[in-house]
Protein backbone atom coordinates (compact mmCIF):
# COMPACT_ATOMS: atom_id res chain seq x y z
CA UNK A 1 3.89 -23.93 40.49
CA UNK A 2 0.43 -23.89 42.11
CA UNK A 3 0.51 -20.12 42.29
CA UNK A 4 1.37 -19.88 38.58
CA UNK A 5 -1.49 -22.16 37.69
CA UNK A 6 -3.90 -20.09 39.69
CA UNK A 7 -2.75 -16.91 38.03
CA UNK A 8 -3.09 -18.51 34.60
CA UNK A 9 -6.65 -19.71 35.45
CA UNK A 10 -7.59 -16.24 36.65
CA UNK A 11 -6.19 -14.54 33.54
CA UNK A 12 -7.97 -16.98 31.29
CA UNK A 13 -11.32 -16.32 32.95
CA UNK A 14 -10.82 -12.57 32.85
CA UNK A 15 -9.97 -12.47 29.20
CA UNK A 16 -12.88 -14.65 28.22
CA UNK A 17 -15.42 -11.85 28.62
CA UNK A 18 -16.91 -10.39 25.43
CA UNK A 19 -14.99 -7.63 23.67
CA UNK A 20 -16.19 -4.70 21.61
CA UNK A 21 -14.08 -4.16 18.44
CA UNK A 22 -12.61 -0.88 17.39
CA UNK A 23 -14.63 0.83 14.66
CA UNK A 24 -13.31 0.87 11.10
CA UNK A 25 -11.13 3.91 10.54
CA UNK A 26 -11.79 4.48 6.88
CA UNK A 27 -14.51 3.67 4.41
CA UNK A 28 -14.11 0.62 2.23
CA UNK A 29 -13.79 -3.07 2.83
CA UNK A 30 -12.29 -3.85 6.24
CA UNK A 31 -12.65 -7.42 7.52
CA UNK A 32 -13.68 -7.45 11.14
CA UNK A 33 -12.95 -9.70 14.11
CA UNK A 34 -16.02 -11.19 15.68
CA UNK A 35 -16.57 -11.33 19.42
CA UNK A 36 -14.32 -13.28 21.74
CA UNK A 37 -14.97 -17.00 22.03
CA UNK A 38 -11.71 -18.32 23.39
CA UNK A 39 -8.34 -16.94 24.30
CA UNK A 40 -4.91 -18.49 23.97
CA UNK A 41 -1.75 -17.86 25.98
CA UNK A 42 1.89 -18.15 25.18
CA UNK A 43 4.25 -19.37 27.90
CA UNK A 44 7.75 -17.90 27.60
CA UNK A 45 10.77 -18.19 29.91
CA UNK A 46 8.61 -19.44 32.78
CA UNK A 47 6.28 -16.45 32.63
CA UNK A 48 2.76 -16.29 31.24
CA UNK A 49 2.63 -13.71 28.47
CA UNK A 50 -0.12 -12.94 26.05
CA UNK A 51 -0.29 -14.47 22.62
CA UNK A 52 -2.38 -13.18 19.73
CA UNK A 53 -6.14 -13.52 20.54
CA UNK A 54 -9.49 -12.19 19.41
CA UNK A 55 -9.40 -10.00 22.48
CA UNK A 56 -6.12 -8.20 21.88
CA UNK A 57 -6.02 -8.29 18.02
CA UNK A 58 -7.53 -4.91 17.24
CA UNK A 59 -5.76 -3.09 20.08
CA UNK A 60 -2.37 -4.61 19.20
CA UNK A 61 -2.56 -3.35 15.64
CA UNK A 62 -3.79 0.09 16.64
CA UNK A 63 -1.07 0.36 19.28
CA UNK A 64 1.61 -0.65 16.82
CA UNK A 65 0.36 1.90 14.29
CA UNK A 66 0.45 4.63 16.90
CA UNK A 67 3.74 3.60 18.49
CA UNK A 68 5.57 3.56 15.15
CA UNK A 69 3.88 6.84 14.21
CA UNK A 70 2.94 5.54 10.81
CA UNK A 71 0.43 8.32 10.23
CA UNK A 72 3.33 10.74 10.00
CA UNK A 73 4.73 8.68 7.10
CA UNK A 74 1.41 8.83 5.23
CA UNK A 75 0.58 5.13 5.70
CA UNK A 76 -3.15 4.78 6.17
CA UNK A 77 -4.25 2.79 9.19
CA UNK A 78 -6.59 0.61 7.18
CA UNK A 79 -3.77 -0.43 4.80
CA UNK A 80 -1.48 -1.25 7.78
CA UNK A 81 -4.28 -3.27 9.46
CA UNK A 82 -4.81 -5.29 6.32
CA UNK A 83 -1.05 -5.87 6.06
CA UNK A 84 -1.00 -7.12 9.65
CA UNK A 85 -3.87 -9.54 9.08
CA UNK A 86 -1.84 -11.00 6.21
CA UNK A 87 1.35 -10.93 8.30
CA UNK A 88 -0.23 -12.98 11.03
CA UNK A 89 -1.86 -15.33 8.49
CA UNK A 90 1.49 -15.98 6.88
CA UNK A 91 3.03 -16.47 10.35
CA UNK A 92 0.30 -18.98 11.11
CA UNK A 93 1.42 -20.88 7.96
CA UNK A 94 5.04 -20.92 9.16
CA UNK A 95 5.98 -18.94 6.03
CA UNK A 96 7.92 -16.16 7.79
CA UNK A 97 11.29 -15.89 9.48
CA UNK A 98 11.69 -14.38 12.98
CA UNK A 99 12.81 -11.00 11.68
CA UNK A 100 9.43 -9.39 12.60
CA UNK A 101 9.44 -7.15 9.54
CA UNK A 102 6.66 -6.26 7.16
CA UNK A 103 7.01 -4.30 3.92
CA UNK A 104 3.99 -2.51 2.56
CA UNK A 105 3.68 -1.08 -0.97
CA UNK A 106 0.71 1.26 -1.22
CA UNK A 107 -0.17 1.23 -4.91
CA UNK A 108 -3.16 3.48 -4.27
CA UNK A 109 -0.61 6.35 -4.10
CA UNK A 110 0.99 7.92 -7.18
CA UNK A 111 4.57 7.05 -8.11
CA UNK A 112 5.60 10.57 -7.22
CA UNK A 113 4.93 9.80 -3.57
CA UNK A 114 7.03 7.55 -1.36
CA UNK A 115 4.78 4.49 -1.07
CA UNK A 116 7.26 1.76 -0.02
CA UNK A 117 7.43 1.09 3.72
CA UNK A 118 9.59 -1.41 5.57
CA UNK A 119 8.46 -1.62 9.17
CA UNK A 120 10.30 -3.18 12.07
CA UNK A 121 7.53 -4.41 14.33
CA UNK A 122 9.80 -5.11 17.32
CA UNK A 123 11.93 -1.97 17.20
CA UNK A 124 8.82 0.11 16.43
CA UNK A 125 10.35 2.05 13.54
CA UNK A 126 10.09 2.56 9.82
CA UNK A 127 13.42 1.32 8.48
CA UNK A 128 12.80 2.46 4.88
CA UNK A 129 10.30 4.87 3.33
CA UNK A 130 11.04 5.17 -0.33
CA UNK A 131 9.88 5.55 -3.91
CA UNK A 132 9.04 2.34 -5.75
CA UNK A 133 8.17 1.75 -9.42
CA UNK A 134 5.21 -0.17 -10.86
CA UNK A 135 4.92 -1.98 -14.20
CA UNK A 136 4.80 -0.10 -17.47
CA UNK A 137 1.41 -1.58 -18.30
CA UNK A 138 0.07 -0.96 -14.82
CA UNK A 139 -0.34 2.74 -15.35
CA UNK A 140 1.32 6.10 -15.86
CA UNK A 141 1.81 7.97 -12.61
CA UNK A 142 -1.02 6.05 -10.95
CA UNK A 143 -1.16 2.27 -10.81
CA UNK A 144 -4.53 1.14 -12.07
CA UNK A 145 -4.21 -2.28 -13.79
CA UNK A 146 -2.65 -5.39 -12.24
CA UNK A 147 -1.98 -8.86 -13.57
CA UNK A 148 -0.58 -12.29 -12.75
CA UNK A 149 0.02 -13.12 -16.44
CA UNK A 150 3.43 -13.79 -17.88
CA UNK A 151 4.75 -11.06 -20.22
CA UNK A 152 2.06 -8.63 -19.06
CA UNK A 153 4.64 -6.08 -17.82
CA UNK A 154 2.20 -5.32 -15.01
CA UNK A 155 2.55 -5.27 -11.25
CA UNK A 156 0.81 -7.84 -9.05
CA UNK A 157 -1.16 -7.00 -5.92
CA UNK A 158 -1.28 -9.10 -2.78
CA UNK A 159 1.06 -10.79 -0.34
CA UNK A 160 4.54 -11.96 -1.24
CA UNK A 161 7.23 -13.69 0.78
CA UNK A 162 10.82 -12.65 0.07
CA UNK A 163 13.29 -15.28 -1.20
CA UNK A 164 16.95 -15.42 -2.02
CA UNK A 165 19.30 -12.83 -3.53
CA UNK A 166 21.22 -13.08 -6.75
CA UNK A 167 23.17 -10.82 -9.16
CA UNK A 168 21.58 -10.51 -12.60
CA UNK A 169 21.05 -8.13 -15.45
CA UNK A 170 19.54 -5.59 -13.04
CA UNK A 171 22.32 -5.96 -10.49
CA UNK A 172 21.83 -7.19 -6.95
CA UNK A 173 18.27 -8.51 -6.83
CA UNK A 174 15.79 -10.28 -4.57
CA UNK A 175 13.48 -13.09 -5.74
CA UNK A 176 9.90 -13.07 -4.54
CA UNK A 177 7.20 -15.73 -4.10
CA UNK A 178 3.61 -14.65 -4.54
CA UNK A 179 1.22 -16.21 -2.05
CA UNK A 180 -2.17 -15.12 -3.45
CA UNK A 181 -3.43 -17.66 -5.98
CA UNK A 182 -4.56 -16.08 -9.23
CA UNK A 183 -3.25 -12.65 -8.18
CA UNK A 184 0.55 -13.04 -7.80
CA UNK A 185 1.48 -16.70 -7.52
CA UNK A 186 3.31 -16.61 -10.87
CA UNK A 187 5.70 -13.77 -10.01
CA UNK A 188 8.71 -16.07 -9.52
CA UNK A 189 8.23 -17.66 -12.93
CA UNK A 190 7.61 -14.17 -14.34
CA UNK A 191 11.00 -13.08 -12.84
CA UNK A 192 9.33 -10.25 -10.88
CA UNK A 193 11.99 -9.27 -8.40
CA UNK A 194 13.18 -6.31 -6.33
CA UNK A 195 16.09 -4.51 -7.98
CA UNK A 196 17.57 -1.06 -8.27
CA UNK A 197 16.79 1.39 -11.10
CA UNK A 198 18.01 4.79 -12.19
CA UNK A 199 14.44 5.75 -13.07
CA UNK A 200 13.36 5.52 -9.44
CA UNK A 201 14.55 8.97 -8.32
CA UNK A 202 13.47 12.51 -7.63
CA UNK A 203 15.46 13.63 -10.68
CA UNK A 204 13.31 11.42 -12.81
CA UNK A 205 10.13 12.80 -11.22
CA UNK A 206 11.27 16.36 -11.84
CA UNK A 207 12.02 15.61 -15.50
CA UNK A 208 9.02 13.46 -16.41
CA UNK A 209 6.40 14.13 -13.74
CA UNK A 210 6.46 10.47 -12.59
CA UNK A 211 8.88 7.61 -11.90
CA UNK A 212 10.03 5.41 -14.67
CA UNK A 213 8.31 2.07 -14.90
CA UNK A 214 9.45 -1.51 -14.81
CA UNK A 215 8.38 -4.82 -16.40
CA UNK A 216 6.32 -5.50 -13.31
CA UNK A 217 9.12 -5.39 -10.71
CA UNK A 218 8.89 -3.19 -7.60
CA UNK A 219 12.18 -1.37 -8.46
CA UNK A 220 13.82 0.80 -5.79
CA UNK A 221 16.23 3.75 -5.76
CA UNK A 222 19.85 2.72 -6.43
CA UNK A 223 21.17 4.34 -3.22
CA UNK A 224 19.11 2.13 -0.89
CA UNK A 225 18.22 -0.97 -2.91
CA UNK A 226 21.02 -3.18 -1.58
CA UNK A 227 20.39 -2.25 2.06
CA UNK A 228 16.65 -2.86 1.69
CA UNK A 229 17.18 -6.23 -0.01
CA UNK A 230 19.61 -7.40 2.69
CA UNK A 231 17.09 -6.32 5.36
CA UNK A 232 14.01 -8.00 4.00
CA UNK A 233 15.50 -11.08 2.28
CA UNK A 234 14.80 -14.66 3.37
CA UNK A 235 11.13 -15.02 4.24
CA UNK A 236 9.72 -11.69 5.30
CA UNK A 237 6.27 -10.44 4.26
CA UNK A 238 5.47 -7.87 1.58
CA UNK A 239 1.94 -6.55 1.05
CA UNK A 240 1.32 -4.87 -2.28
CA UNK A 241 -1.93 -3.04 -1.54
CA UNK A 242 -4.47 -1.78 -4.04
CA UNK A 243 -8.13 -1.05 -3.20
CA UNK A 244 -9.55 -3.82 -5.39
CA UNK A 245 -12.71 -5.15 -3.81
CA UNK A 246 -12.43 -8.55 -5.52
CA UNK A 247 -8.98 -9.09 -4.17
CA UNK A 248 -9.73 -7.76 -0.68
CA UNK A 249 -12.71 -10.05 -0.27
CA UNK A 250 -11.19 -13.16 -1.74
CA UNK A 251 -7.57 -13.30 -0.51
CA UNK A 252 -7.12 -16.19 1.92
CA UNK A 253 -4.65 -14.00 3.81
CA UNK A 254 -7.30 -11.43 4.63
CA UNK A 255 -9.81 -13.97 6.00
CA UNK A 256 -9.51 -12.58 9.54
CA UNK A 257 -12.16 -14.91 10.97
CA UNK A 258 -10.21 -17.93 9.71
CA UNK A 259 -7.16 -16.58 11.43
CA UNK A 260 -9.03 -16.04 14.70
CA UNK A 261 -10.47 -19.55 14.55
CA UNK A 262 -7.01 -21.01 14.00
CA UNK A 263 -5.80 -19.43 17.21
CA UNK A 264 -8.02 -21.90 19.11
CA UNK A 265 -5.59 -24.59 18.05
CA UNK A 266 -2.28 -22.70 17.68
CA UNK A 267 -0.77 -19.76 19.51
CA UNK A 268 1.02 -16.96 17.69
CA UNK A 269 3.37 -14.59 19.45
CA UNK A 270 1.96 -11.10 19.73
CA UNK A 271 4.55 -8.81 18.08
CA UNK A 272 5.06 -5.45 19.79
CA UNK A 273 3.13 -6.74 22.79
CA UNK A 274 4.62 -4.13 25.08
CA UNK A 275 3.43 -1.21 23.08
CA UNK A 276 1.18 1.42 24.56
CA UNK A 277 -1.16 3.54 22.47
CA UNK A 278 -0.14 7.14 22.02
CA UNK A 279 -2.64 10.00 21.97
């Protein structure tokens, strides 16, 4: 016991030195983590293992990105990093299950590109990389206009948490709860859900030069929709990204400094903590 306490004390002192953050990878708004002030540890199964801290935050996200080889899937690092800030913020709220899954929809890409990513953060793999539709009033091939208003037939940006499944007019579907006030917190009352659609297919793209569009729902290809829904249902995170400066600077789930400050009071488990950066 005394030896364990000495090791913990030594580790705490070592990790308390100042830390230089990784530079931003791409241009645009990227919230940064300030220098280390305190570190927090997570004690598991009698061993001292590292929890999420200011010190390891940037490295852990970069290592996950490299380990999962997300660049090869066309997912930009900055988008993934923002998604992980929100993931940990939702985890800090107790809003997520223990599935360790995040889904990212990159609405900066055209509908003719696969822009739906379901990422397993513990198994280090992309479980689904697929086409996904946006709302009919959000844009043609490119998504450009978003809304939280009922009957807008537009997509909503921001962080969602998945809910329960049901069978409705669109078949097997998944309810969603929007977490960003004024951006997507009305999606449940708007009946914005994940469902399958014939118009989300390569055949549709070849015929019309784009996917078909929904009434605001992130509709998926019929052949994978049920499997995706069963994977991500029941309290996993979805990040619907769009490079809107107002949203990126105002979302409470992207306030990285608030997240770092909260770690002084509460420890979060560091997902993928055994990853090693790849060259």
